[in-house]
N, C-alpha and C. Protein backbone atom coordinates (compact mmCIF):
# COMPACT_ATOMS: atom_id res chain seq x y z
N MET A 1 44.52 -42.81 -18.61
CA MET A 1 44.53 -43.76 -17.09
C MET A 1 45.74 -44.45 -16.77
N PRO A 2 45.98 -43.78 -15.93
CA PRO A 2 47.11 -44.55 -15.13
C PRO A 2 47.37 -45.86 -14.81
N ILE A 3 48.03 -46.90 -14.79
CA ILE A 3 47.61 -48.18 -14.73
C ILE A 3 48.47 -48.59 -13.40
N ASN A 4 47.70 -49.07 -12.44
CA ASN A 4 48.30 -49.37 -11.15
C ASN A 4 47.86 -50.56 -11.07
N ASN A 5 47.19 -51.50 -11.99
CA ASN A 5 47.03 -53.00 -11.54
C ASN A 5 46.76 -53.60 -13.29
N PHE A 6 47.16 -54.29 -13.51
CA PHE A 6 46.96 -54.94 -14.90
C PHE A 6 45.95 -55.54 -15.02
N SER A 7 45.58 -56.29 -13.96
CA SER A 7 44.45 -57.42 -13.90
C SER A 7 43.28 -56.90 -13.78
N GLN A 8 43.00 -55.48 -13.00
CA GLN A 8 41.73 -54.62 -13.20
C GLN A 8 41.54 -53.61 -14.60
N LEU A 9 42.85 -53.48 -15.18
CA LEU A 9 42.50 -52.96 -16.53
C LEU A 9 42.27 -53.70 -17.48
N ALA A 10 42.58 -55.18 -17.52
CA ALA A 10 42.12 -56.05 -18.38
C ALA A 10 40.80 -56.03 -18.10
N ARG A 11 40.02 -56.32 -16.63
CA ARG A 11 38.67 -56.81 -16.57
C ARG A 11 38.13 -55.24 -17.00
N PHE A 12 38.54 -54.14 -16.94
CA PHE A 12 38.02 -52.99 -17.10
C PHE A 12 37.81 -52.95 -18.75
N SER A 13 38.95 -53.12 -19.64
CA SER A 13 38.70 -52.72 -21.26
C SER A 13 37.94 -54.06 -21.44
N ASP A 14 38.17 -55.10 -20.91
CA ASP A 14 37.14 -56.27 -21.50
C ASP A 14 35.64 -55.85 -21.59
N GLY A 15 35.44 -55.49 -20.35
CA GLY A 15 33.96 -55.15 -19.64
C GLY A 15 33.50 -53.94 -20.54
N CYS A 16 34.41 -53.01 -21.02
CA CYS A 16 33.89 -51.70 -21.97
C CYS A 16 34.21 -51.98 -23.41
N GLY A 17 34.77 -53.33 -23.78
CA GLY A 17 34.84 -53.27 -25.13
C GLY A 17 36.21 -52.25 -25.61
N ALA A 18 37.02 -51.89 -25.05
CA ALA A 18 38.19 -51.20 -25.15
C ALA A 18 39.35 -52.28 -25.38
N GLU A 19 40.09 -51.99 -26.51
CA GLU A 19 41.13 -53.01 -26.58
C GLU A 19 42.51 -52.65 -26.31
N ILE A 20 43.39 -53.10 -25.25
CA ILE A 20 44.52 -52.70 -24.98
C ILE A 20 45.55 -53.24 -25.98
N PRO A 21 46.48 -52.31 -26.61
CA PRO A 21 47.35 -52.60 -27.69
C PRO A 21 47.91 -53.78 -27.83
N ARG A 22 48.38 -55.06 -28.40
CA ARG A 22 48.75 -55.88 -28.15
C ARG A 22 50.34 -55.90 -27.79
N TRP A 23 51.13 -54.92 -28.34
CA TRP A 23 52.32 -54.56 -27.63
C TRP A 23 52.46 -54.26 -26.16
N LEU A 24 51.17 -53.15 -25.76
CA LEU A 24 51.39 -52.68 -24.49
C LEU A 24 50.70 -53.90 -23.43
N ARG A 25 49.72 -54.53 -24.02
CA ARG A 25 49.34 -55.98 -22.93
C ARG A 25 50.37 -56.97 -22.67
N LYS A 26 51.02 -57.45 -23.74
CA LYS A 26 52.07 -58.08 -23.67
C LYS A 26 53.67 -57.25 -22.82
N ARG A 27 53.42 -56.26 -22.54
CA ARG A 27 54.68 -55.40 -21.92
C ARG A 27 54.08 -55.57 -20.40
N LEU A 28 52.80 -55.36 -20.02
CA LEU A 28 52.54 -54.98 -19.20
C LEU A 28 51.96 -56.38 -18.80
N GLU A 29 51.87 -57.43 -18.90
CA GLU A 29 51.85 -58.82 -18.70
C GLU A 29 52.97 -59.51 -18.00
N GLU A 30 54.16 -58.64 -18.51
CA GLU A 30 55.84 -59.30 -17.85
C GLU A 30 55.70 -58.58 -16.51
N PHE A 31 55.22 -57.61 -16.11
CA PHE A 31 55.46 -57.49 -14.54
C PHE A 31 54.76 -58.51 -13.49
N HIS A 32 53.63 -58.92 -14.27
CA HIS A 32 53.11 -60.27 -13.32
C HIS A 32 52.42 -59.22 -11.97
N ASP A 33 53.17 -59.59 -10.69
CA ASP A 33 52.50 -59.05 -9.43
C ASP A 33 53.52 -58.07 -8.96
N ASP A 34 54.32 -57.52 -9.98
CA ASP A 34 55.42 -56.43 -9.33
C ASP A 34 54.78 -55.27 -9.73
N THR A 35 54.16 -54.73 -8.65
CA THR A 35 53.12 -53.96 -8.83
C THR A 35 54.33 -52.40 -8.88
N GLU A 36 55.09 -52.53 -7.95
CA GLU A 36 56.18 -51.15 -8.26
C GLU A 36 56.58 -50.65 -9.56
N SER A 37 57.13 -51.95 -10.00
CA SER A 37 57.83 -51.80 -11.25
C SER A 37 56.82 -51.52 -12.44
N LEU A 38 55.65 -51.97 -12.60
CA LEU A 38 54.22 -51.68 -13.55
C LEU A 38 54.07 -50.43 -13.27
N GLN A 39 54.06 -49.83 -12.02
CA GLN A 39 53.41 -48.53 -12.07
C GLN A 39 54.64 -47.52 -12.41
N ALA A 40 55.71 -47.61 -11.88
CA ALA A 40 57.16 -46.88 -12.70
C ALA A 40 57.18 -47.04 -14.00
N PHE A 41 56.72 -48.04 -14.83
CA PHE A 41 56.81 -48.25 -16.46
C PHE A 41 55.62 -47.49 -16.98
N THR A 42 54.39 -47.52 -16.41
CA THR A 42 53.30 -47.03 -16.83
C THR A 42 53.42 -45.23 -16.65
N LEU A 43 54.10 -44.71 -15.63
CA LEU A 43 54.27 -43.40 -15.80
C LEU A 43 55.29 -43.13 -16.44
N ASP A 44 56.32 -43.34 -16.73
CA ASP A 44 57.08 -43.42 -17.94
C ASP A 44 56.28 -43.18 -19.13
N PHE A 45 55.89 -44.63 -19.30
CA PHE A 45 55.10 -44.26 -20.75
C PHE A 45 54.01 -43.32 -20.63
N LEU A 46 53.26 -43.13 -19.89
CA LEU A 46 52.35 -42.16 -20.16
C LEU A 46 52.83 -40.37 -20.09
N THR A 47 53.85 -40.24 -19.45
CA THR A 47 54.58 -39.21 -19.54
C THR A 47 54.76 -38.84 -21.19
N ASP A 48 55.51 -39.77 -21.50
CA ASP A 48 56.04 -39.49 -22.82
C ASP A 48 54.82 -39.39 -23.68
N PHE A 49 53.71 -40.35 -23.70
CA PHE A 49 52.70 -40.29 -24.41
C PHE A 49 51.79 -38.97 -24.71
N THR A 50 51.56 -38.82 -23.38
CA THR A 50 50.78 -37.36 -23.25
C THR A 50 51.70 -36.05 -23.48
N GLN A 51 53.19 -36.23 -23.63
CA GLN A 51 53.88 -35.41 -23.86
C GLN A 51 53.60 -35.26 -25.64
N LYS A 52 53.63 -36.46 -26.38
CA LYS A 52 53.54 -36.22 -27.88
C LYS A 52 52.47 -36.14 -28.01
N LEU A 53 51.29 -36.08 -27.41
CA LEU A 53 49.86 -35.57 -27.60
C LEU A 53 49.74 -34.22 -27.42
N ILE A 54 50.40 -33.50 -26.52
CA ILE A 54 50.70 -32.17 -26.50
C ILE A 54 51.27 -31.38 -27.57
N ASP A 55 52.65 -32.09 -27.93
CA ASP A 55 53.39 -31.71 -29.17
C ASP A 55 52.62 -31.84 -30.59
N LEU A 56 51.51 -32.70 -30.49
CA LEU A 56 50.90 -32.92 -31.93
C LEU A 56 49.72 -31.64 -31.96
N GLY A 57 49.62 -31.12 -30.67
CA GLY A 57 48.54 -29.74 -30.61
C GLY A 57 47.09 -30.42 -29.93
N VAL A 58 47.11 -31.45 -29.07
CA VAL A 58 45.86 -31.98 -28.92
C VAL A 58 45.14 -30.69 -28.24
N PRO A 59 43.90 -30.35 -28.33
CA PRO A 59 43.03 -29.35 -27.44
C PRO A 59 43.06 -29.32 -25.95
N GLY A 60 42.92 -30.64 -25.46
CA GLY A 60 42.93 -30.63 -24.02
C GLY A 60 43.00 -32.06 -23.91
N LEU A 61 43.48 -32.49 -22.41
CA LEU A 61 43.72 -33.72 -21.99
C LEU A 61 42.55 -33.92 -20.74
N HIS A 62 42.04 -35.53 -20.79
CA HIS A 62 41.16 -35.88 -19.93
C HIS A 62 41.87 -37.47 -19.41
N PHE A 63 42.24 -37.40 -18.27
CA PHE A 63 42.61 -38.29 -17.41
C PHE A 63 41.59 -39.13 -16.63
N TYR A 64 41.59 -40.51 -16.83
CA TYR A 64 40.32 -41.26 -15.60
C TYR A 64 41.61 -41.55 -14.43
N THR A 65 41.10 -41.21 -13.28
CA THR A 65 41.99 -41.20 -12.44
C THR A 65 41.47 -42.53 -11.72
N MET A 66 40.19 -43.11 -11.44
CA MET A 66 39.90 -44.24 -11.12
C MET A 66 40.47 -44.41 -9.56
N ASN A 67 39.78 -42.87 -8.94
CA ASN A 67 40.22 -42.58 -7.65
C ASN A 67 41.58 -42.59 -7.16
N LYS A 68 42.57 -42.74 -7.96
CA LYS A 68 43.78 -42.79 -7.42
C LYS A 68 44.82 -41.66 -8.25
N VAL A 69 44.66 -40.44 -7.53
CA VAL A 69 44.62 -38.94 -8.46
C VAL A 69 46.45 -39.01 -8.26
N ASP A 70 47.22 -39.60 -7.06
CA ASP A 70 48.77 -39.45 -7.75
C ASP A 70 49.32 -39.83 -8.51
N PRO A 71 49.28 -40.72 -9.27
CA PRO A 71 49.71 -40.95 -10.64
C PRO A 71 49.54 -39.65 -11.76
N THR A 72 48.31 -39.64 -11.59
CA THR A 72 47.96 -38.21 -12.79
C THR A 72 48.63 -37.04 -12.48
N LEU A 73 48.82 -36.75 -11.04
CA LEU A 73 49.11 -35.52 -10.59
C LEU A 73 50.82 -35.96 -10.91
N THR A 74 51.63 -36.96 -10.42
CA THR A 74 52.90 -37.29 -10.80
C THR A 74 53.22 -36.94 -12.42
N ILE A 75 52.23 -36.95 -13.29
CA ILE A 75 52.37 -37.06 -14.97
C ILE A 75 52.37 -35.70 -15.17
N CYS A 76 51.30 -35.08 -14.44
CA CYS A 76 51.22 -33.76 -14.66
C CYS A 76 51.97 -32.40 -14.28
N GLU A 77 52.78 -33.03 -13.14
CA GLU A 77 54.22 -32.47 -12.82
C GLU A 77 55.49 -32.76 -13.70
N ARG A 78 55.53 -33.83 -14.34
CA ARG A 78 56.54 -34.15 -15.00
C ARG A 78 56.06 -33.12 -16.37
N LEU A 79 55.22 -33.04 -16.67
CA LEU A 79 54.74 -32.36 -17.93
C LEU A 79 54.90 -30.95 -17.62
N GLY A 80 55.28 -30.11 -16.75
CA GLY A 80 54.91 -28.90 -15.81
C GLY A 80 53.38 -27.95 -16.28
N LEU A 81 52.92 -29.05 -16.19
CA LEU A 81 51.17 -28.32 -16.22
C LEU A 81 50.98 -28.17 -14.87
N ILE A 82 51.55 -28.86 -13.83
CA ILE A 82 51.44 -28.23 -12.69
C ILE A 82 52.39 -28.14 -11.77
N LYS A 83 52.37 -27.14 -10.53
CA LYS A 83 53.56 -27.44 -9.74
C LYS A 83 53.52 -27.71 -8.26
């Protein structure tokens, strides 16, 4: 799930019982209200993470876009999954 807003992500994960890894939560908290830098970091992180999953042979990918498809499209473009 591309991260556009840390506060929303924290509420979402707390609400459904999903845990954000401690190192990632700390890193995301450092951005505070700098949404542009947060989004740039998460696009880089998720592109790298997704590439690692592909390299490990995962049979498929599923993205939650939360009605914001552009970050997911950017990741897919970076990975060469779409043109």
